[in-house]
All heavy atoms as atom14 arrays in JSON, in Angstrom:
{
  "sequence": "LRHENDLCWLEDFEELMNSFKNFQFHPVLSQASEEWSLCRGYVTDCL",
  "atom14_mask": [
    [1, 1, 1, 1, 1, 1, 1, 1, 0, 0, 0, 0, 0, 0],
    [1, 1, 1, 1, 1, 1, 1, 1, 1, 1, 1, 0, 0, 0],
    [1, 1, 1, 1, 1, 1, 1, 1, 1, 1, 0, 0, 0, 0],
    [1, 1, 1, 1, 1, 1, 1, 1, 1, 0, 0, 0, 0, 0],
    [1, 1, 1, 1, 1, 1, 1, 1, 0, 0, 0, 0, 0, 0],
    [1, 1, 1, 1, 1, 1, 1, 1, 0, 0, 0, 0, 0, 0],
    [1, 1, 1, 1, 1, 1, 1, 1, 0, 0, 0, 0, 0, 0],
    [1, 1, 1, 1, 1, 1, 0, 0, 0, 0, 0, 0, 0, 0],
    [1, 1, 1, 1, 1, 1, 1, 1, 1, 1, 1, 1, 1, 1],
    [1, 1, 1, 1, 1, 1, 1, 1, 0, 0, 0, 0, 0, 0],
    [1, 1, 1, 1, 1, 1, 1, 1, 1, 0, 0, 0, 0, 0],
    [1, 1, 1, 1, 1, 1, 1, 1, 0, 0, 0, 0, 0, 0],
    [1, 1, 1, 1, 1, 1, 1, 1, 1, 1, 1, 0, 0, 0],
    [1, 1, 1, 1, 1, 1, 1, 1, 1, 0, 0, 0, 0, 0],
    [1, 1, 1, 1, 1, 1, 1, 1, 1, 0, 0, 0, 0, 0],
    [1, 1, 1, 1, 1, 1, 1, 1, 0, 0, 0, 0, 0, 0],
    [1, 1, 1, 1, 1, 1, 1, 1, 0, 0, 0, 0, 0, 0],
    [1, 1, 1, 1, 1, 1, 1, 1, 0, 0, 0, 0, 0, 0],
    [1, 1, 1, 1, 1, 1, 0, 0, 0, 0, 0, 0, 0, 0],
    [1, 1, 1, 1, 1, 1, 1, 1, 1, 1, 1, 0, 0, 0],
    [1, 1, 1, 1, 1, 1, 1, 1, 1, 0, 0, 0, 0, 0],
    [1, 1, 1, 1, 1, 1, 1, 1, 0, 0, 0, 0, 0, 0],
    [1, 1, 1, 1, 1, 1, 1, 1, 1, 1, 1, 0, 0, 0],
    [1, 1, 1, 1, 1, 1, 1, 1, 1, 0, 0, 0, 0, 0],
    [1, 1, 1, 1, 1, 1, 1, 1, 1, 1, 1, 0, 0, 0],
    [1, 1, 1, 1, 1, 1, 1, 1, 1, 1, 0, 0, 0, 0],
    [1, 1, 1, 1, 1, 1, 1, 0, 0, 0, 0, 0, 0, 0],
    [1, 1, 1, 1, 1, 1, 1, 0, 0, 0, 0, 0, 0, 0],
    [1, 1, 1, 1, 1, 1, 1, 1, 0, 0, 0, 0, 0, 0],
    [1, 1, 1, 1, 1, 1, 0, 0, 0, 0, 0, 0, 0, 0],
    [1, 1, 1, 1, 1, 1, 1, 1, 1, 0, 0, 0, 0, 0],
    [1, 1, 1, 1, 1, 0, 0, 0, 0, 0, 0, 0, 0, 0],
    [1, 1, 1, 1, 1, 1, 0, 0, 0, 0, 0, 0, 0, 0],
    [1, 1, 1, 1, 1, 1, 1, 1, 1, 0, 0, 0, 0, 0],
    [1, 1, 1, 1, 1, 1, 1, 1, 1, 0, 0, 0, 0, 0],
    [1, 1, 1, 1, 1, 1, 1, 1, 1, 1, 1, 1, 1, 1],
    [1, 1, 1, 1, 1, 1, 0, 0, 0, 0, 0, 0, 0, 0],
    [1, 1, 1, 1, 1, 1, 1, 1, 0, 0, 0, 0, 0, 0],
    [1, 1, 1, 1, 1, 1, 0, 0, 0, 0, 0, 0, 0, 0],
    [1, 1, 1, 1, 1, 1, 1, 1, 1, 1, 1, 0, 0, 0],
    [1, 1, 1, 1, 0, 0, 0, 0, 0, 0, 0, 0, 0, 0],
    [1, 1, 1, 1, 1, 1, 1, 1, 1, 1, 1, 1, 0, 0],
    [1, 1, 1, 1, 1, 1, 1, 0, 0, 0, 0, 0, 0, 0],
    [1, 1, 1, 1, 1, 1, 1, 0, 0, 0, 0, 0, 0, 0],
    [1, 1, 1, 1, 1, 1, 1, 1, 0, 0, 0, 0, 0, 0],
    [1, 1, 1, 1, 1, 1, 0, 0, 0, 0, 0, 0, 0, 0],
    [1, 1, 1, 1, 1, 1, 1, 1, 0, 0, 0, 0, 0, 0]
  ],
  "atom14_positions": [
    [[-6.3, 4.04, -1.9], [-6.62, 5.25, -1.13], [-6.09, 6.46, -1.89], [-5.47, 6.31, -2.95], [-6.0, 5.17, 0.26], [-6.56, 4.1, 1.21], [-5.58, 3.82, 2.34], [-7.91, 4.54, 1.76], [0.0, 0.0, 0.0], [0.0, 0.0, 0.0], [0.0, 0.0, 0.0], [0.0, 0.0, 0.0], [0.0, 0.0, 0.0], [0.0, 0.0, 0.0]],
    [[-6.3, 7.64, -1.34], [-5.8, 8.85, -2.01], [-4.39, 9.22, -1.56], [-3.49, 9.4, -2.36], [-6.76, 10.01, -1.77], [-8.09, 9.86, -2.49], [-8.97, 11.07, -2.26], [-10.25, 10.93, -2.94], [-11.24, 11.81, -2.88], [-11.09, 12.92, -2.15], [-12.36, 11.59, -3.53], [0.0, 0.0, 0.0], [0.0, 0.0, 0.0], [0.0, 0.0, 0.0]],
    [[-4.21, 9.38, -0.25], [-2.97, 9.94, 0.29], [-2.3, 8.99, 1.27], [-2.94, 8.1, 1.84], [-3.25, 11.26, 1.02], [-4.07, 12.23, 0.23], [-3.55, 12.97, -0.8], [-5.37, 12.58, 0.34], [-4.51, 13.75, -1.31], [-5.62, 13.53, -0.63], [0.0, 0.0, 0.0], [0.0, 0.0, 0.0], [0.0, 0.0, 0.0], [0.0, 0.0, 0.0]],
    [[-0.99, 9.2, 1.5], [-0.26, 8.41, 2.48], [-0.9, 8.48, 3.86], [-0.97, 7.48, 4.57], [1.2, 8.87, 2.59], [2.07, 8.51, 1.39], [2.24, 9.68, 0.43], [1.23, 10.39, 0.17], [3.36, 9.87, -0.07], [0.0, 0.0, 0.0], [0.0, 0.0, 0.0], [0.0, 0.0, 0.0], [0.0, 0.0, 0.0], [0.0, 0.0, 0.0]],
    [[-1.35, 9.68, 4.24], [-1.89, 9.83, 5.59], [-3.3, 9.24, 5.75], [-3.89, 9.33, 6.81], [-1.87, 11.29, 6.06], [-2.64, 12.22, 5.14], [-3.41, 11.77, 4.29], [-2.45, 13.52, 5.31], [0.0, 0.0, 0.0], [0.0, 0.0, 0.0], [0.0, 0.0, 0.0], [0.0, 0.0, 0.0], [0.0, 0.0, 0.0], [0.0, 0.0, 0.0]],
    [[-3.84, 8.64, 4.69], [-5.09, 7.9, 4.79], [-4.86, 6.46, 5.26], [-5.79, 5.79, 5.7], [-5.82, 7.85, 3.43], [-6.36, 9.2, 3.01], [-6.63, 10.04, 3.89], [-6.51, 9.43, 1.79], [0.0, 0.0, 0.0], [0.0, 0.0, 0.0], [0.0, 0.0, 0.0], [0.0, 0.0, 0.0], [0.0, 0.0, 0.0], [0.0, 0.0, 0.0]],
    [[-3.63, 6.0, 5.15], [-3.32, 4.6, 5.46], [-3.37, 4.34, 6.96], [-2.78, 5.06, 7.76], [-1.93, 4.23, 4.94], [-1.8, 3.98, 3.44], [-0.34, 4.04, 3.02], [-2.41, 2.63, 3.07], [0.0, 0.0, 0.0], [0.0, 0.0, 0.0], [0.0, 0.0, 0.0], [0.0, 0.0, 0.0], [0.0, 0.0, 0.0], [0.0, 0.0, 0.0]],
    [[-4.07, 3.31, 7.33], [-4.03, 2.81, 8.71], [-3.79, 1.3, 8.63], [-3.86, 0.71, 7.56], [-5.32, 3.13, 9.46], [-6.81, 2.34, 8.8], [0.0, 0.0, 0.0], [0.0, 0.0, 0.0], [0.0, 0.0, 0.0], [0.0, 0.0, 0.0], [0.0, 0.0, 0.0], [0.0, 0.0, 0.0], [0.0, 0.0, 0.0], [0.0, 0.0, 0.0]],
    [[-3.48, 0.71, 9.77], [-3.17, -0.73, 9.85], [-1.96, -1.1, 8.99], [-1.74, -2.28, 8.69], [-4.36, -1.59, 9.44], [-5.54, -1.54, 10.37], [-5.54, -1.33, 11.72], [-6.91, -1.73, 10.01], [-6.81, -1.38, 12.22], [-7.68, -1.62, 11.2], [-7.57, -1.99, 8.82], [-9.07, -1.76, 11.22], [-8.95, -2.12, 8.83], [-9.69, -2.01, 10.01]],
    [[-1.18, -0.11, 8.58], [-0.05, -0.4, 7.7], [0.94, -1.34, 8.36], [1.39, -2.32, 7.75], [0.64, 0.91, 7.3], [1.76, 0.81, 6.27], [1.26, 0.2, 4.97], [2.37, 2.19, 6.01], [0.0, 0.0, 0.0], [0.0, 0.0, 0.0], [0.0, 0.0, 0.0], [0.0, 0.0, 0.0], [0.0, 0.0, 0.0], [0.0, 0.0, 0.0]],
    [[1.27, -1.07, 9.61], [2.21, -1.94, 10.33], [1.63, -3.34, 10.51], [2.37, -4.33, 10.47], [2.57, -1.32, 11.67], [3.4, -0.04, 11.56], [3.79, 0.51, 12.92], [3.41, -0.11, 13.95], [4.48, 1.54, 12.96], [0.0, 0.0, 0.0], [0.0, 0.0, 0.0], [0.0, 0.0, 0.0], [0.0, 0.0, 0.0], [0.0, 0.0, 0.0]],
    [[0.32, -3.41, 10.72], [-0.32, -4.73, 10.89], [-0.17, -5.57, 9.64], [0.16, -6.77, 9.71], [-1.8, -4.56, 11.22], [-2.04, -3.95, 12.6], [-1.06, -3.82, 13.36], [-3.18, -3.6, 12.9], [0.0, 0.0, 0.0], [0.0, 0.0, 0.0], [0.0, 0.0, 0.0], [0.0, 0.0, 0.0], [0.0, 0.0, 0.0], [0.0, 0.0, 0.0]],
    [[-0.42, -4.97, 8.48], [-0.32, -5.72, 7.23], [1.14, -6.07, 6.93], [1.43, -7.16, 6.39], [-0.93, -4.93, 6.08], [-2.44, -4.9, 6.1], [-3.12, -3.7, 6.03], [-3.18, -6.06, 6.2], [-4.51, -3.65, 6.06], [-4.57, -6.04, 6.23], [-5.24, -4.83, 6.16], [0.0, 0.0, 0.0], [0.0, 0.0, 0.0], [0.0, 0.0, 0.0]],
    [[2.06, -5.17, 7.25], [3.48, -5.47, 7.04], [3.93, -6.62, 7.95], [4.72, -7.48, 7.54], [4.31, -4.22, 7.29], [4.13, -3.16, 6.21], [4.88, -1.87, 6.51], [5.3, -1.69, 7.69], [5.04, -1.06, 5.59], [0.0, 0.0, 0.0], [0.0, 0.0, 0.0], [0.0, 0.0, 0.0], [0.0, 0.0, 0.0], [0.0, 0.0, 0.0]],
    [[3.41, -6.64, 9.17], [3.74, -7.74, 10.09], [3.18, -9.07, 9.57], [3.84, -10.11, 9.68], [3.18, -7.44, 11.47], [3.54, -8.48, 12.53], [3.05, -8.12, 13.91], [2.8, -6.92, 14.16], [2.91, -9.04, 14.74], [0.0, 0.0, 0.0], [0.0, 0.0, 0.0], [0.0, 0.0, 0.0], [0.0, 0.0, 0.0], [0.0, 0.0, 0.0]],
    [[1.99, -9.02, 8.99], [1.43, -10.24, 8.41], [2.3, -10.74, 7.25], [2.51, -11.95, 7.1], [0.0, -10.0, 7.92], [-1.08, -9.88, 9.0], [-2.41, -9.45, 8.38], [-1.26, -11.2, 9.75], [0.0, 0.0, 0.0], [0.0, 0.0, 0.0], [0.0, 0.0, 0.0], [0.0, 0.0, 0.0], [0.0, 0.0, 0.0], [0.0, 0.0, 0.0]],
    [[2.8, -9.82, 6.44], [3.68, -10.23, 5.33], [4.95, -10.89, 5.86], [5.45, -11.86, 5.28], [4.04, -9.02, 4.46], [2.98, -8.63, 3.47], [3.64, -7.63, 2.09], [4.26, -6.2, 2.98], [0.0, 0.0, 0.0], [0.0, 0.0, 0.0], [0.0, 0.0, 0.0], [0.0, 0.0, 0.0], [0.0, 0.0, 0.0], [0.0, 0.0, 0.0]],
    [[5.49, -10.35, 6.95], [6.71, -10.93, 7.54], [6.45, -12.28, 8.17], [7.32, -13.16, 8.17], [7.29, -9.97, 8.58], [7.82, -8.69, 7.97], [8.27, -8.69, 6.82], [7.79, -7.6, 8.71], [0.0, 0.0, 0.0], [0.0, 0.0, 0.0], [0.0, 0.0, 0.0], [0.0, 0.0, 0.0], [0.0, 0.0, 0.0], [0.0, 0.0, 0.0]],
    [[5.24, -12.46, 8.72], [4.92, -13.7, 9.42], [4.42, -14.8, 8.5], [4.59, -15.99, 8.78], [3.88, -13.43, 10.51], [4.35, -12.5, 11.45], [0.0, 0.0, 0.0], [0.0, 0.0, 0.0], [0.0, 0.0, 0.0], [0.0, 0.0, 0.0], [0.0, 0.0, 0.0], [0.0, 0.0, 0.0], [0.0, 0.0, 0.0], [0.0, 0.0, 0.0]],
    [[3.78, -14.39, 7.4], [3.17, -15.36, 6.48], [3.68, -15.08, 5.06], [3.29, -14.09, 4.44], [1.64, -15.26, 6.53], [1.06, -15.54, 7.9], [0.79, -14.5, 8.78], [0.79, -16.84, 8.29], [0.27, -14.75, 10.03], [0.26, -17.1, 9.55], [0.0, -16.06, 10.42], [0.0, 0.0, 0.0], [0.0, 0.0, 0.0], [0.0, 0.0, 0.0]],
    [[4.52, -15.95, 4.59], [5.16, -15.74, 3.28], [4.17, -15.86, 2.13], [4.49, -15.47, 1.0], [6.3, -16.75, 3.09], [7.38, -16.64, 4.16], [7.91, -15.21, 4.27], [8.98, -15.09, 5.35], [9.43, -13.68, 5.52], [0.0, 0.0, 0.0], [0.0, 0.0, 0.0], [0.0, 0.0, 0.0], [0.0, 0.0, 0.0], [0.0, 0.0, 0.0]],
    [[3.0, -16.39, 2.38], [1.98, -16.52, 1.32], [1.06, -15.3, 1.25], [0.07, -15.31, 0.52], [1.14, -17.78, 1.52], [0.4, -17.8, 2.86], [0.97, -17.44, 3.88], [-0.85, -18.24, 2.86], [0.0, 0.0, 0.0], [0.0, 0.0, 0.0], [0.0, 0.0, 0.0], [0.0, 0.0, 0.0], [0.0, 0.0, 0.0], [0.0, 0.0, 0.0]],
    [[1.39, -14.22, 1.97], [0.57, -13.01, 1.95], [1.37, -11.83, 1.41], [2.49, -11.57, 1.85], [0.06, -12.68, 3.36], [-0.7, -11.38, 3.43], [-1.91, -11.21, 2.77], [-0.2, -10.3, 4.15], [-2.6, -10.01, 2.82], [-0.88, -9.09, 4.22], [-2.09, -8.95, 3.55], [0.0, 0.0, 0.0], [0.0, 0.0, 0.0], [0.0, 0.0, 0.0]],
    [[0.77, -11.12, 0.45], [1.38, -9.91, -0.13], [0.39, -8.75, -0.03], [-0.83, -8.94, -0.17], [1.75, -10.15, -1.59], [2.9, -11.12, -1.79], [4.21, -10.59, -1.22], [4.55, -9.42, -1.4], [4.94, -11.45, -0.53], [0.0, 0.0, 0.0], [0.0, 0.0, 0.0], [0.0, 0.0, 0.0], [0.0, 0.0, 0.0], [0.0, 0.0, 0.0]],
    [[0.92, -7.57, 0.2], [0.09, -6.37, 0.38], [0.59, -5.26, -0.53], [1.77, -4.92, -0.52], [0.14, -5.93, 1.84], [-0.49, -4.59, 2.12], [-1.74, -4.27, 1.61], [0.16, -3.65, 2.91], [-2.33, -3.03, 1.87], [-0.42, -2.42, 3.19], [-1.66, -2.11, 2.67], [0.0, 0.0, 0.0], [0.0, 0.0, 0.0], [0.0, 0.0, 0.0]],
    [[-0.34, -4.68, -1.33], [0.0, -3.58, -2.23], [-0.91, -2.39, -1.95], [-2.05, -2.33, -2.45], [-0.17, -4.01, -3.69], [0.71, -5.15, -4.11], [2.07, -5.01, -4.29], [0.42, -6.46, -4.37], [2.59, -6.18, -4.65], [1.6, -7.07, -4.7], [0.0, 0.0, 0.0], [0.0, 0.0, 0.0], [0.0, 0.0, 0.0], [0.0, 0.0, 0.0]],
    [[-0.44, -1.41, -1.16], [-1.22, -0.17, -1.02], [-1.06, 0.66, -2.29], [0.04, 0.76, -2.84], [-0.58, 0.5, 0.19], [0.82, -0.01, 0.23], [0.77, -1.4, -0.35], [0.0, 0.0, 0.0], [0.0, 0.0, 0.0], [0.0, 0.0, 0.0], [0.0, 0.0, 0.0], [0.0, 0.0, 0.0], [0.0, 0.0, 0.0], [0.0, 0.0, 0.0]],
    [[-2.15, 1.26, -2.74], [-2.15, 2.02, -3.99], [-2.72, 3.42, -3.71], [-3.82, 3.54, -3.16], [-3.01, 1.33, -5.07], [-2.83, 2.03, -6.42], [-2.66, -0.14, -5.18], [0.0, 0.0, 0.0], [0.0, 0.0, 0.0], [0.0, 0.0, 0.0], [0.0, 0.0, 0.0], [0.0, 0.0, 0.0], [0.0, 0.0, 0.0], [0.0, 0.0, 0.0]],
    [[-1.97, 4.47, -4.09], [-2.41, 5.84, -3.81], [-2.66, 6.6, -5.1], [-1.81, 6.63, -6.0], [-1.35, 6.57, -2.98], [-1.01, 5.94, -1.63], [0.05, 6.78, -0.91], [-2.25, 5.79, -0.75], [0.0, 0.0, 0.0], [0.0, 0.0, 0.0], [0.0, 0.0, 0.0], [0.0, 0.0, 0.0], [0.0, 0.0, 0.0], [0.0, 0.0, 0.0]],
    [[-3.83, 7.22, -5.17], [-4.18, 7.97, -6.39], [-3.62, 9.39, -6.38], [-3.49, 10.0, -7.43], [-5.71, 8.03, -6.54], [-6.3, 8.69, -5.43], [0.0, 0.0, 0.0], [0.0, 0.0, 0.0], [0.0, 0.0, 0.0], [0.0, 0.0, 0.0], [0.0, 0.0, 0.0], [0.0, 0.0, 0.0], [0.0, 0.0, 0.0], [0.0, 0.0, 0.0]],
    [[-3.27, 9.91, -5.19], [-2.68, 11.25, -5.09], [-1.44, 11.18, -4.21], [-1.32, 11.88, -3.21], [-3.71, 12.24, -4.53], [-4.94, 12.38, -5.41], [-5.98, 13.34, -4.85], [-5.65, 14.27, -4.11], [-7.23, 13.13, -5.2], [0.0, 0.0, 0.0], [0.0, 0.0, 0.0], [0.0, 0.0, 0.0], [0.0, 0.0, 0.0], [0.0, 0.0, 0.0]],
    [[-0.52, 10.34, -4.61], [0.69, 10.09, -3.81], [1.67, 11.25, -3.93], [1.72, 11.96, -4.94], [1.35, 8.8, -4.27], [0.0, 0.0, 0.0], [0.0, 0.0, 0.0], [0.0, 0.0, 0.0], [0.0, 0.0, 0.0], [0.0, 0.0, 0.0], [0.0, 0.0, 0.0], [0.0, 0.0, 0.0], [0.0, 0.0, 0.0], [0.0, 0.0, 0.0]],
    [[2.49, 11.41, -2.9], [3.57, 12.41, -2.94], [4.71, 11.89, -3.81], [4.74, 10.71, -4.19], [4.07, 12.68, -1.53], [4.73, 11.52, -1.01], [0.0, 0.0, 0.0], [0.0, 0.0, 0.0], [0.0, 0.0, 0.0], [0.0, 0.0, 0.0], [0.0, 0.0, 0.0], [0.0, 0.0, 0.0], [0.0, 0.0, 0.0], [0.0, 0.0, 0.0]],
    [[5.66, 12.76, -4.11], [6.8, 12.35, -4.93], [7.63, 11.28, -4.24], [8.31, 10.49, -4.89], [7.68, 13.57, -5.24], [7.01, 14.6, -6.15], [7.93, 15.76, -6.47], [9.09, 15.74, -5.99], [7.49, 16.68, -7.2], [0.0, 0.0, 0.0], [0.0, 0.0, 0.0], [0.0, 0.0, 0.0], [0.0, 0.0, 0.0], [0.0, 0.0, 0.0]],
    [[7.6, 11.24, -2.89], [8.41, 10.28, -2.15], [7.82, 8.87, -2.15], [8.51, 7.92, -1.83], [8.56, 10.75, -0.69], [9.41, 12.01, -0.52], [8.68, 13.27, -0.91], [7.42, 13.26, -0.92], [9.35, 14.28, -1.23], [0.0, 0.0, 0.0], [0.0, 0.0, 0.0], [0.0, 0.0, 0.0], [0.0, 0.0, 0.0], [0.0, 0.0, 0.0]],
    [[6.55, 8.74, -2.53], [5.89, 7.44, -2.52], [6.51, 6.53, -3.57], [6.54, 6.86, -4.76], [4.4, 7.6, -2.77], [3.6, 6.33, -2.73], [3.07, 5.65, -3.8], [3.23, 5.59, -1.57], [2.4, 4.54, -3.37], [2.47, 4.47, -2.0], [3.45, 5.76, -0.2], [1.94, 3.54, -1.11], [2.93, 4.83, 0.69], [2.18, 3.74, 0.22]],
    [[6.99, 5.35, -3.14], [7.73, 4.46, -4.05], [6.93, 3.24, -4.48], [7.44, 2.42, -5.26], [9.03, 4.0, -3.37], [8.74, 3.3, -2.18], [0.0, 0.0, 0.0], [0.0, 0.0, 0.0], [0.0, 0.0, 0.0], [0.0, 0.0, 0.0], [0.0, 0.0, 0.0], [0.0, 0.0, 0.0], [0.0, 0.0, 0.0], [0.0, 0.0, 0.0]],
    [[5.69, 3.1, -3.98], [4.9, 1.93, -4.31], [3.87, 2.27, -5.39], [4.04, 3.24, -6.12], [4.23, 1.4, -3.04], [5.21, 1.02, -1.92], [4.47, 0.58, -0.67], [6.18, -0.05, -2.38], [0.0, 0.0, 0.0], [0.0, 0.0, 0.0], [0.0, 0.0, 0.0], [0.0, 0.0, 0.0], [0.0, 0.0, 0.0], [0.0, 0.0, 0.0]],
    [[2.82, 1.48, -5.52], [1.87, 1.64, -6.61], [1.17, 3.0, -6.56], [0.76, 3.47, -5.49], [0.82, 0.53, -6.55], [1.43, -1.09, -7.06], [0.0, 0.0, 0.0], [0.0, 0.0, 0.0], [0.0, 0.0, 0.0], [0.0, 0.0, 0.0], [0.0, 0.0, 0.0], [0.0, 0.0, 0.0], [0.0, 0.0, 0.0], [0.0, 0.0, 0.0]],
    [[1.01, 3.61, -7.74], [0.32, 4.89, -7.88], [-0.89, 4.73, -8.8], [-0.94, 3.81, -9.6], [1.25, 5.94, -8.5], [2.43, 6.33, -7.64], [3.39, 7.21, -8.44], [4.47, 7.71, -7.59], [4.45, 8.87, -6.96], [3.41, 9.66, -7.1], [5.45, 9.24, -6.21], [0.0, 0.0, 0.0], [0.0, 0.0, 0.0], [0.0, 0.0, 0.0]],
    [[-1.82, 5.67, -8.68], [-3.0, 5.65, -9.53], [-4.16, 4.99, -8.83], [-4.24, 4.97, -7.6], [0.0, 0.0, 0.0], [0.0, 0.0, 0.0], [0.0, 0.0, 0.0], [0.0, 0.0, 0.0], [0.0, 0.0, 0.0], [0.0, 0.0, 0.0], [0.0, 0.0, 0.0], [0.0, 0.0, 0.0], [0.0, 0.0, 0.0], [0.0, 0.0, 0.0]],
    [[-5.07, 4.45, -9.63], [-6.2, 3.73, -9.06], [-5.79, 2.29, -8.77], [-4.83, 1.78, -9.36], [-7.39, 3.77, -10.01], [-7.97, 5.15, -10.2], [-7.91, 5.79, -11.42], [-8.58, 5.82, -9.12], [-8.44, 7.08, -11.59], [-9.1, 7.09, -9.28], [-9.03, 7.71, -10.5], [-9.54, 8.97, -10.65], [0.0, 0.0, 0.0], [0.0, 0.0, 0.0]],
    [[-6.55, 1.66, -7.9], [-6.19, 0.29, -7.52], [-6.22, -0.63, -8.73], [-5.45, -1.59, -8.82], [-7.13, -0.2, -6.4], [-8.55, -0.41, -6.9], [-6.59, -1.47, -5.76], [0.0, 0.0, 0.0], [0.0, 0.0, 0.0], [0.0, 0.0, 0.0], [0.0, 0.0, 0.0], [0.0, 0.0, 0.0], [0.0, 0.0, 0.0], [0.0, 0.0, 0.0]],
    [[-7.07, -0.33, -9.7], [-7.11, -1.15, -10.91], [-5.84, -1.01, -11.75], [-5.48, -1.92, -12.49], [-8.33, -0.77, -11.76], [-8.41, 0.67, -11.87], [-9.62, -1.29, -11.15], [0.0, 0.0, 0.0], [0.0, 0.0, 0.0], [0.0, 0.0, 0.0], [0.0, 0.0, 0.0], [0.0, 0.0, 0.0], [0.0, 0.0, 0.0], [0.0, 0.0, 0.0]],
    [[-5.14, 0.13, -11.65], [-3.87, 0.31, -12.36], [-2.83, -0.67, -11.82], [-2.08, -1.29, -12.59], [-3.36, 1.74, -12.2], [-4.28, 2.77, -12.83], [-4.91, 2.45, -13.86], [-4.38, 3.9, -12.3], [0.0, 0.0, 0.0], [0.0, 0.0, 0.0], [0.0, 0.0, 0.0], [0.0, 0.0, 0.0], [0.0, 0.0, 0.0], [0.0, 0.0, 0.0]],
    [[-2.78, -0.79, -10.5], [-1.82, -1.71, -9.88], [-2.22, -3.16, -10.15], [-1.39, -4.0, -10.47], [-1.75, -1.45, -8.39], [-0.49, -2.39, -7.51], [0.0, 0.0, 0.0], [0.0, 0.0, 0.0], [0.0, 0.0, 0.0], [0.0, 0.0, 0.0], [0.0, 0.0, 0.0], [0.0, 0.0, 0.0], [0.0, 0.0, 0.0], [0.0, 0.0, 0.0]],
    [[-3.5, -3.42, -10.04], [-3.99, -4.77, -10.29], [-3.66, -5.22, -11.71], [-3.3, -6.38, -11.95], [-5.51, -4.81, -10.07], [-6.22, -6.15, -10.18], [-5.77, -7.09, -9.07], [-7.73, -5.96, -10.12], [0.0, 0.0, 0.0], [0.0, 0.0, 0.0], [0.0, 0.0, 0.0], [0.0, 0.0, 0.0], [0.0, 0.0, 0.0], [0.0, 0.0, 0.0]]
  ]
}
C-alpha cells in the first residue's frame, strides 16, 4: 500500500499471526512515514 492510514484488517492479520504460528504477514508501504519500522518501498522490494 502507500500509507499507514491505508491499512485495514491490520488487527485481524496480527491476530491470525498470534493464533497460527505458520502464518506471517508483511505490510509494505511505498510512502511510509519516518516512524514506520516495517518494510518500505514496493511489495516486490520486500519480497
